[in-house]
């Protein structure tokens, strides 16, 4: 029996939303294991700082774009330098939550931002990367979903809808690409202590911190370690859909906050 093992070295990974949280943690563990990186994000100063931090470990290239800008996404990925142009691993991590109101009180700008970033942005980046993977009959796409894509919760309406869309896209993408030798899967985290809640609550630090009080949440590094495990499995193994929660979280509405 011949088993094709996956070596992390000599691979190139493109990571969206790489300037903070899960994306930054994934970039760090990948670089420290010899994976060349194309790190993408809106905040150029953070991209430059991360490149400086990780360059001692692996080659790093930065792409400064907003995933909502489909023309800029396509242009910049198409014009990657040759040594970074063969993307072996795509981590579709860019995503945000904006606001948490009942649907009748929802802010239309918040709704559009979530749909544009979480759904359309993921599609724009995937559309730009997939053709090269198909040409090479190999590749690995990991879509970062959420427990919100598995279970709706009160006042989560549009955010949950956007992550349910990611779940459906992940399944459809896998069906369409499996005959091309491309692995596709999703990692769906529960409560992870990152900038997520600060963005959702628009800078209200006290409200954001309260989300993670009374229990031990997941951390970005926890998810990064899982992602690294997934991409280094023998190539005949495809981890297609993984839901990860902290011990204290039983569902999106049941969290043991007894400390």
C-alpha atoms as a PDB file:
ATOM      1  CA  UNK A   1       0.000   0.000   0.000  1.00  0.00           C
ATOM      2  CA  UNK A   2       1.443   3.370  -1.054  1.00  0.00           C
ATOM      3  CA  UNK A   3       0.530   6.300   1.164  1.00  0.00           C
ATOM      4  CA  UNK A   4       1.389   9.780  -0.100  1.00  0.00           C
ATOM      5  CA  UNK A   5       2.671  11.705   2.904  1.00  0.00           C
ATOM      6  CA  UNK A   6       2.335  15.479   3.016  1.00  0.00           C
ATOM      7  CA  UNK A   7       5.476  17.488   3.704  1.00  0.00           C
ATOM      8  CA  UNK A   8       4.979  21.018   4.984  1.00  0.00           C
ATOM      9  CA  UNK A   9       8.234  22.277   3.551  1.00  0.00           C
ATOM     10  CA  UNK A  10       8.336  23.673   0.004  1.00  0.00           C
ATOM     11  CA  UNK A  11       4.607  24.432   0.126  1.00  0.00           C
ATOM     12  CA  UNK A  12       3.073  27.852  -0.499  1.00  0.00           C
ATOM     13  CA  UNK A  13       0.017  28.909   1.510  1.00  0.00           C
ATOM     14  CA  UNK A  14      -2.199  31.937   0.942  1.00  0.00           C
ATOM     15  CA  UNK A  15      -3.964  33.153   4.092  1.00  0.00           C
ATOM     16  CA  UNK A  16      -6.649  35.837   4.097  1.00  0.00           C
ATOM     17  CA  UNK A  17      -7.303  37.890   7.200  1.00  0.00           C
ATOM     18  CA  UNK A  18      -3.721  37.208   8.280  1.00  0.00           C
ATOM     19  CA  UNK A  19      -3.161  40.339  10.359  1.00  0.00           C
ATOM     20  CA  UNK A  20      -4.870  39.165  13.557  1.00  0.00           C
ATOM     21  CA  UNK A  21      -6.538  36.299  15.367  1.00  0.00           C
ATOM     22  CA  UNK A  22      -6.728  32.901  13.724  1.00  0.00           C
ATOM     23  CA  UNK A  23      -5.143  34.096  10.474  1.00  0.00           C
ATOM     24  CA  UNK A  24      -2.061  35.444  12.241  1.00  0.00           C
ATOM     25  CA  UNK A  25      -1.747  32.310  14.373  1.00  0.00           C
ATOM     26  CA  UNK A  26      -1.974  30.095  11.272  1.00  0.00           C
ATOM     27  CA  UNK A  27       0.658  32.204   9.494  1.00  0.00           C
ATOM     28  CA  UNK A  28       2.963  31.823  12.481  1.00  0.00           C
ATOM     29  CA  UNK A  29       2.712  28.046  12.809  1.00  0.00           C
ATOM     30  CA  UNK A  30       2.985  27.589   9.039  1.00  0.00           C
ATOM     31  CA  UNK A  31       6.093  29.771   8.748  1.00  0.00           C
ATOM     32  CA  UNK A  32       7.770  28.063  11.695  1.00  0.00           C
ATOM     33  CA  UNK A  33       7.269  24.772   9.867  1.00  0.00           C
ATOM     34  CA  UNK A  34       8.843  25.992   6.629  1.00  0.00           C
ATOM     35  CA  UNK A  35       5.745  26.874   4.602  1.00  0.00           C
ATOM     36  CA  UNK A  36       6.159  29.878   2.302  1.00  0.00           C
ATOM     37  CA  UNK A  37       3.388  32.398   2.843  1.00  0.00           C
ATOM     38  CA  UNK A  38       1.278  34.875   0.950  1.00  0.00           C
ATOM     39  CA  UNK A  39      -0.310  36.827   3.790  1.00  0.00           C
ATOM     40  CA  UNK A  40      -3.304  38.985   2.914  1.00  0.00           C
ATOM     41  CA  UNK A  41      -5.145  41.717   4.763  1.00  0.00           C
ATOM     42  CA  UNK A  42      -6.536  45.256   4.722  1.00  0.00           C
ATOM     43  CA  UNK A  43      -4.135  46.696   7.318  1.00  0.00           C
ATOM     44  CA  UNK A  44      -0.864  47.130   5.468  1.00  0.00           C
ATOM     45  CA  UNK A  45       1.167  48.164   8.511  1.00  0.00           C
ATOM     46  CA  UNK A  46       0.220  44.923  10.244  1.00  0.00           C
ATOM     47  CA  UNK A  47       1.115  42.889   7.175  1.00  0.00           C
ATOM     48  CA  UNK A  48       4.564  44.490   7.081  1.00  0.00           C
ATOM     49  CA  UNK A  49       5.082  43.855  10.807  1.00  0.00           C
ATOM     50  CA  UNK A  50       4.048  40.207  10.456  1.00  0.00           C
ATOM     51  CA  UNK A  51       6.325  39.748   7.459  1.00  0.00           C
ATOM     52  CA  UNK A  52       9.243  41.114   9.480  1.00  0.00           C
ATOM     53  CA  UNK A  53       8.403  38.778  12.360  1.00  0.00           C
ATOM     54  CA  UNK A  54       8.089  35.619  10.254  1.00  0.00           C
ATOM     55  CA  UNK A  55      10.730  36.134   7.552  1.00  0.00           C
ATOM     56  CA  UNK A  56      13.463  34.444   9.622  1.00  0.00           C
ATOM     57  CA  UNK A  57      11.467  31.212   9.343  1.00  0.00           C
ATOM     58  CA  UNK A  58      10.131  31.151   5.759  1.00  0.00           C
ATOM     59  CA  UNK A  59       9.718  33.278   2.610  1.00  0.00           C
ATOM     60  CA  UNK A  60       6.859  35.764   3.047  1.00  0.00           C
ATOM     61  CA  UNK A  61       4.978  37.876   0.490  1.00  0.00           C
ATOM     62  CA  UNK A  62       2.266  40.385   1.407  1.00  0.00           C
ATOM     63  CA  UNK A  63      -0.910  41.229  -0.475  1.00  0.00           C
ATOM     64  CA  UNK A  64      -2.745  44.305   0.774  1.00  0.00           C
ATOM     65  CA  UNK A  65      -6.378  44.085  -0.333  1.00  0.00           C
ATOM     66  CA  UNK A  66      -9.946  44.022   0.905  1.00  0.00           C
ATOM     67  CA  UNK A  67     -11.574  40.696  -0.028  1.00  0.00           C
ATOM     68  CA  UNK A  68     -14.718  42.628  -0.996  1.00  0.00           C
ATOM     69  CA  UNK A  69     -12.907  44.204  -3.968  1.00  0.00           C
ATOM     70  CA  UNK A  70     -13.135  41.422  -6.536  1.00  0.00           C
ATOM     71  CA  UNK A  71     -11.108  43.196  -9.229  1.00  0.00           C
ATOM     72  CA  UNK A  72      -8.239  43.975  -6.842  1.00  0.00           C
ATOM     73  CA  UNK A  73      -8.305  40.438  -5.446  1.00  0.00           C
ATOM     74  CA  UNK A  74      -8.133  38.881  -8.917  1.00  0.00           C
ATOM     75  CA  UNK A  75      -5.415  41.262 -10.146  1.00  0.00           C
ATOM     76  CA  UNK A  76      -3.104  40.869  -7.162  1.00  0.00           C
ATOM     77  CA  UNK A  77      -3.366  37.086  -6.961  1.00  0.00           C
ATOM     78  CA  UNK A  78      -2.867  36.773 -10.719  1.00  0.00           C
ATOM     79  CA  UNK A  79       0.316  38.881 -10.522  1.00  0.00           C
ATOM     80  CA  UNK A  80       2.025  37.071  -7.665  1.00  0.00           C
ATOM     81  CA  UNK A  81       5.798  36.590  -8.161  1.00  0.00           C
ATOM     82  CA  UNK A  82       6.651  33.242  -9.723  1.00  0.00           C
ATOM     83  CA  UNK A  83       8.020  31.760  -6.511  1.00  0.00           C
ATOM     84  CA  UNK A  84       4.692  32.409  -4.767  1.00  0.00           C
ATOM     85  CA  UNK A  85       2.308  31.817  -7.675  1.00  0.00           C
ATOM     86  CA  UNK A  86       1.707  28.080  -7.159  1.00  0.00           C
ATOM     87  CA  UNK A  87      -0.634  28.139  -4.183  1.00  0.00           C
ATOM     88  CA  UNK A  88      -0.709  24.722  -2.518  1.00  0.00           C
ATOM     89  CA  UNK A  89      -2.840  25.711   0.477  1.00  0.00           C
ATOM     90  CA  UNK A  90      -5.605  28.311   0.673  1.00  0.00           C
ATOM     91  CA  UNK A  91      -6.886  29.358   4.087  1.00  0.00           C
ATOM     92  CA  UNK A  92     -10.105  31.333   3.582  1.00  0.00           C
ATOM     93  CA  UNK A  93     -10.005  32.999   6.972  1.00  0.00           C
ATOM     94  CA  UNK A  94     -11.127  36.601   6.366  1.00  0.00           C
ATOM     95  CA  UNK A  95     -14.479  37.205   8.000  1.00  0.00           C
ATOM     96  CA  UNK A  96     -16.261  39.489  10.434  1.00  0.00           C
ATOM     97  CA  UNK A  97     -19.378  39.897  12.533  1.00  0.00           C
ATOM     98  CA  UNK A  98     -20.978  43.321  12.717  1.00  0.00           C
ATOM     99  CA  UNK A  99     -23.633  44.116  15.280  1.00  0.00           C
ATOM    100  CA  UNK A 100     -25.943  41.861  17.250  1.00  0.00           C
ATOM    101  CA  UNK A 101     -29.513  43.095  17.077  1.00  0.00           C
ATOM    102  CA  UNK A 102     -32.915  41.486  16.480  1.00  0.00           C
ATOM    103  CA  UNK A 103     -33.577  41.291  12.759  1.00  0.00           C
ATOM    104  CA  UNK A 104     -36.137  44.099  12.829  1.00  0.00           C
ATOM    105  CA  UNK A 105     -33.503  46.435  14.285  1.00  0.00           C
ATOM    106  CA  UNK A 106     -30.583  45.303  12.136  1.00  0.00           C
ATOM    107  CA  UNK A 107     -28.290  47.798  10.443  1.00  0.00           C
ATOM    108  CA  UNK A 108     -28.288  47.359   6.655  1.00  0.00           C
ATOM    109  CA  UNK A 109     -24.640  48.401   6.378  1.00  0.00           C
ATOM    110  CA  UNK A 110     -23.724  45.702   8.908  1.00  0.00           C
ATOM    111  CA  UNK A 111     -25.687  43.120   6.926  1.00  0.00           C
ATOM    112  CA  UNK A 112     -23.962  44.048   3.678  1.00  0.00           C
ATOM    113  CA  UNK A 113     -20.514  43.987   5.298  1.00  0.00           C
ATOM    114  CA  UNK A 114     -21.036  40.472   6.659  1.00  0.00           C
ATOM    115  CA  UNK A 115     -22.361  39.106   3.385  1.00  0.00           C
ATOM    116  CA  UNK A 116     -19.683  40.870   1.327  1.00  0.00           C
ATOM    117  CA  UNK A 117     -16.760  39.743   3.512  1.00  0.00           C
ATOM    118  CA  UNK A 118     -17.847  36.334   4.784  1.00  0.00           C
ATOM    119  CA  UNK A 119     -19.480  35.026   1.606  1.00  0.00           C
ATOM    120  CA  UNK A 120     -18.543  37.042  -1.463  1.00  0.00           C
ATOM    121  CA  UNK A 121     -14.971  37.690  -0.319  1.00  0.00           C
ATOM    122  CA  UNK A 122     -14.386  33.980   0.222  1.00  0.00           C
ATOM    123  CA  UNK A 123     -15.705  33.318  -3.285  1.00  0.00           C
ATOM    124  CA  UNK A 124     -13.575  36.021  -4.929  1.00  0.00           C
ATOM    125  CA  UNK A 125     -10.354  34.661  -3.404  1.00  0.00           C
ATOM    126  CA  UNK A 126     -11.267  31.047  -4.156  1.00  0.00           C
ATOM    127  CA  UNK A 127     -12.117  31.922  -7.759  1.00  0.00           C
ATOM    128  CA  UNK A 128      -8.658  33.465  -8.179  1.00  0.00           C
ATOM    129  CA  UNK A 129      -6.756  30.541  -6.640  1.00  0.00           C
ATOM    130  CA  UNK A 130      -8.630  27.423  -7.792  1.00  0.00           C
ATOM    131  CA  UNK A 131      -7.605  27.446 -11.508  1.00  0.00           C
ATOM    132  CA  UNK A 132      -3.916  26.972 -10.658  1.00  0.00           C
ATOM    133  CA  UNK A 133      -4.775  24.148  -8.270  1.00  0.00           C
ATOM    134  CA  UNK A 134      -6.796  22.489 -11.019  1.00  0.00           C
ATOM    135  CA  UNK A 135      -3.882  22.824 -13.451  1.00  0.00           C
ATOM    136  CA  UNK A 136      -1.634  21.079 -10.935  1.00  0.00           C
ATOM    137  CA  UNK A 137      -4.234  18.475  -9.898  1.00  0.00           C
ATOM    138  CA  UNK A 138      -3.468  19.194  -6.253  1.00  0.00           C
ATOM    139  CA  UNK A 139      -4.167  21.681  -3.530  1.00  0.00           C
ATOM    140  CA  UNK A 140      -5.878  22.087  -0.192  1.00  0.00           C
ATOM    141  CA  UNK A 141      -8.579  24.639   0.621  1.00  0.00           C
ATOM    142  CA  UNK A 142      -9.639  25.222   4.201  1.00  0.00           C
ATOM    143  CA  UNK A 143     -12.668  27.441   4.716  1.00  0.00           C
ATOM    144  CA  UNK A 144     -12.959  28.962   8.182  1.00  0.00           C
ATOM    145  CA  UNK A 145     -16.595  28.669   9.140  1.00  0.00           C
ATOM    146  CA  UNK A 146     -18.158  28.899  12.579  1.00  0.00           C
ATOM    147  CA  UNK A 147     -20.415  27.085  14.975  1.00  0.00           C
ATOM    148  CA  UNK A 148     -22.828  29.831  13.829  1.00  0.00           C
ATOM    149  CA  UNK A 149     -22.902  28.022  10.494  1.00  0.00           C
ATOM    150  CA  UNK A 150     -24.266  24.933  12.221  1.00  0.00           C
ATOM    151  CA  UNK A 151     -26.709  26.433  14.708  1.00  0.00           C
ATOM    152  CA  UNK A 152     -28.537  29.765  14.639  1.00  0.00           C
ATOM    153  CA  UNK A 153     -28.745  31.752  17.870  1.00  0.00           C
ATOM    154  CA  UNK A 154     -30.864  34.761  18.923  1.00  0.00           C
ATOM    155  CA  UNK A 155     -29.731  38.066  17.405  1.00  0.00           C
ATOM    156  CA  UNK A 156     -27.194  36.241  15.258  1.00  0.00           C
ATOM    157  CA  UNK A 157     -29.519  36.250  12.216  1.00  0.00           C
ATOM    158  CA  UNK A 158     -27.391  37.581   9.324  1.00  0.00           C
ATOM    159  CA  UNK A 159     -24.022  36.540  10.717  1.00  0.00           C
ATOM    160  CA  UNK A 160     -25.378  33.015  11.159  1.00  0.00           C
ATOM    161  CA  UNK A 161     -26.814  33.162   7.637  1.00  0.00           C
ATOM    162  CA  UNK A 162     -23.417  34.144   6.220  1.00  0.00           C
ATOM    163  CA  UNK A 163     -21.705  31.257   7.999  1.00  0.00           C
ATOM    164  CA  UNK A 164     -24.420  28.815   6.906  1.00  0.00           C
ATOM    165  CA  UNK A 165     -23.563  29.986   3.391  1.00  0.00           C
ATOM    166  CA  UNK A 166     -19.890  29.181   4.027  1.00  0.00           C
ATOM    167  CA  UNK A 167     -20.952  25.703   5.136  1.00  0.00           C
ATOM    168  CA  UNK A 168     -22.905  25.190   1.901  1.00  0.00           C
ATOM    169  CA  UNK A 169     -20.105  26.623  -0.256  1.00  0.00           C
ATOM    170  CA  UNK A 170     -17.611  24.320   1.453  1.00  0.00           C
ATOM    171  CA  UNK A 171     -19.744  21.284   0.634  1.00  0.00           C
ATOM    172  CA  UNK A 172     -20.355  22.357  -2.952  1.00  0.00           C
ATOM    173  CA  UNK A 173     -16.706  23.236  -3.485  1.00  0.00           C
ATOM    174  CA  UNK A 174     -15.646  19.804  -2.277  1.00  0.00           C
ATOM    175  CA  UNK A 175     -18.104  18.095  -4.632  1.00  0.00           C
ATOM    176  CA  UNK A 176     -16.915  20.134  -7.601  1.00  0.00           C
ATOM    177  CA  UNK A 177     -13.184  19.776  -6.951  1.00  0.00           C
ATOM    178  CA  UNK A 178     -12.651  16.268  -5.614  1.00  0.00           C
ATOM    179  CA  UNK A 179     -12.106  14.838  -9.103  1.00  0.00           C
ATOM    180  CA  UNK A 180      -9.270  17.342  -9.589  1.00  0.00           C
ATOM    181  CA  UNK A 181      -7.272  16.016  -6.631  1.00  0.00           C
ATOM    182  CA  UNK A 182      -8.028  19.070  -4.493  1.00  0.00           C
ATOM    183  CA  UNK A 183      -8.805  18.626  -0.813  1.00  0.00           C
ATOM    184  CA  UNK A 184     -11.527  20.895   0.587  1.00  0.00           C
ATOM    185  CA  UNK A 185     -12.662  21.176   4.183  1.00  0.00           C
ATOM    186  CA  UNK A 186     -13.956  23.553   6.824  1.00  0.00           C
ATOM    187  CA  UNK A 187     -12.934  24.313  10.384  1.00  0.00           C
ATOM    188  CA  UNK A 188     -15.856  25.645  12.414  1.00  0.00           C
ATOM    189  CA  UNK A 189     -14.781  27.191  15.740  1.00  0.00           C
ATOM    190  CA  UNK A 190     -17.020  28.028  18.649  1.00  0.00           C
ATOM    191  CA  UNK A 191     -15.997  30.744  21.094  1.00  0.00           C
ATOM    192  CA  UNK A 192     -12.453  31.899  20.310  1.00  0.00           C
ATOM    193  CA  UNK A 193     -10.946  34.824  22.218  1.00  0.00           C
ATOM    194  CA  UNK A 194      -9.744  37.125  19.411  1.00  0.00           C
ATOM    195  CA  UNK A 195     -10.635  40.612  18.124  1.00  0.00           C
ATOM    196  CA  UNK A 196     -13.904  39.104  16.839  1.00  0.00           C
ATOM    197  CA  UNK A 197     -16.141  40.485  19.603  1.00  0.00           C
ATOM    198  CA  UNK A 198     -14.428  43.887  19.635  1.00  0.00           C
ATOM    199  CA  UNK A 199     -15.328  44.251  15.965  1.00  0.00           C
ATOM    200  CA  UNK A 200     -18.834  42.886  16.461  1.00  0.00           C
ATOM    201  CA  UNK A 201     -19.529  45.348  19.272  1.00  0.00           C
ATOM    202  CA  UNK A 202     -17.781  48.186  17.456  1.00  0.00           C
ATOM    203  CA  UNK A 203     -15.028  48.894  19.951  1.00  0.00           C
ATOM    204  CA  UNK A 204     -17.033  48.309  23.146  1.00  0.00           C
ATOM    205  CA  UNK A 205     -14.179  46.583  24.990  1.00  0.00           C
ATOM    206  CA  UNK A 206     -16.190  45.832  28.138  1.00  0.00           C
ATOM    207  CA  UNK A 207     -19.005  44.143  26.226  1.00  0.00           C
ATOM    208  CA  UNK A 208     -16.506  42.255  24.072  1.00  0.00           C
ATOM    209  CA  UNK A 209     -14.608  40.977  27.124  1.00  0.00           C
ATOM    210  CA  UNK A 210     -17.837  39.770  28.748  1.00  0.00           C
ATOM    211  CA  UNK A 211     -18.296  37.217  25.954  1.00  0.00           C
ATOM    212  CA  UNK A 212     -15.325  35.224  27.285  1.00  0.00           C
ATOM    213  CA  UNK A 213     -15.789  35.732  31.030  1.00  0.00           C
ATOM    214  CA  UNK A 214     -16.372  32.864  33.464  1.00  0.00           C
ATOM    215  CA  UNK A 215     -14.869  30.076  31.364  1.00  0.00           C
ATOM    216  CA  UNK A 216     -11.780  29.176  29.346  1.00  0.00           C
ATOM    217  CA  UNK A 217     -12.446  29.872  25.655  1.00  0.00           C
ATOM    218  CA  UNK A 218     -10.517  28.654  22.665  1.00  0.00           C
ATOM    219  CA  UNK A 219      -7.542  30.718  21.513  1.00  0.00           C
ATOM    220  CA  UNK A 220      -6.331  31.456  17.998  1.00  0.00           C
ATOM    221  CA  UNK A 221      -3.320  29.191  18.541  1.00  0.00           C
ATOM    222  CA  UNK A 222      -5.641  26.257  19.317  1.00  0.00           C
ATOM    223  CA  UNK A 223      -7.309  26.570  15.926  1.00  0.00           C
ATOM    224  CA  UNK A 224      -3.972  27.115  14.163  1.00  0.00           C
ATOM    225  CA  UNK A 225      -2.605  23.862  15.592  1.00  0.00           C
ATOM    226  CA  UNK A 226      -5.695  22.005  14.363  1.00  0.00           C
ATOM    227  CA  UNK A 227      -5.334  23.516  10.886  1.00  0.00           C
ATOM    228  CA  UNK A 228      -1.680  22.513  10.742  1.00  0.00           C
ATOM    229  CA  UNK A 229      -2.663  18.968  11.725  1.00  0.00           C
ATOM    230  CA  UNK A 230      -5.296  18.904   8.967  1.00  0.00           C
ATOM    231  CA  UNK A 231      -2.946  20.052   6.190  1.00  0.00           C
ATOM    232  CA  UNK A 232      -0.225  17.559   7.136  1.00  0.00           C
ATOM    233  CA  UNK A 233      -2.369  14.413   6.962  1.00  0.00           C
ATOM    234  CA  UNK A 234      -1.475  11.832   4.297  1.00  0.00           C
ATOM    235  CA  UNK A 235      -2.918  13.079   1.026  1.00  0.00           C
ATOM    236  CA  UNK A 236      -5.623  10.409   0.786  1.00  0.00           C
ATOM    237  CA  UNK A 237      -7.168  11.844   3.972  1.00  0.00           C
ATOM    238  CA  UNK A 238      -9.500  14.831   3.641  1.00  0.00           C
ATOM    239  CA  UNK A 239     -10.907  16.249   6.886  1.00  0.00           C
ATOM    240  CA  UNK A 240     -14.010  17.777   5.415  1.00  0.00           C
ATOM    241  CA  UNK A 241     -15.897  19.411   8.271  1.00  0.00           C
ATOM    242  CA  UNK A 242     -14.663  19.948  11.827  1.00  0.00           C
ATOM    243  CA  UNK A 243     -16.616  21.629  14.644  1.00  0.00           C
ATOM    244  CA  UNK A 244     -14.399  22.776  17.533  1.00  0.00           C
ATOM    245  CA  UNK A 245     -15.672  24.195  20.830  1.00  0.00           C
ATOM    246  CA  UNK A 246     -14.144  24.897  24.232  1.00  0.00           C
ATOM    247  CA  UNK A 247     -15.045  22.365  26.904  1.00  0.00           C
ATOM    248  CA  UNK A 248     -17.369  24.858  28.589  1.00  0.00           C
ATOM    249  CA  UNK A 249     -19.440  25.375  25.432  1.00  0.00           C
ATOM    250  CA  UNK A 250     -22.099  22.762  24.661  1.00  0.00           C
ATOM    251  CA  UNK A 251     -23.848  24.786  21.949  1.00  0.00           C
ATOM    252  CA  UNK A 252     -24.094  28.373  20.789  1.00  0.00           C
ATOM    253  CA  UNK A 253     -26.487  29.143  23.635  1.00  0.00           C
ATOM    254  CA  UNK A 254     -25.173  26.825  26.364  1.00  0.00           C
ATOM    255  CA  UNK A 255     -21.923  27.930  28.018  1.00  0.00           C
ATOM    256  CA  UNK A 256     -20.854  26.900  31.503  1.00  0.00           C
ATOM    257  CA  UNK A 257     -19.649  30.164  33.067  1.00  0.00           C
ATOM    258  CA  UNK A 258     -18.983  28.831  36.557  1.00  0.00           C
ATOM    259  CA  UNK A 259     -15.252  29.454  36.138  1.00  0.00           C
END
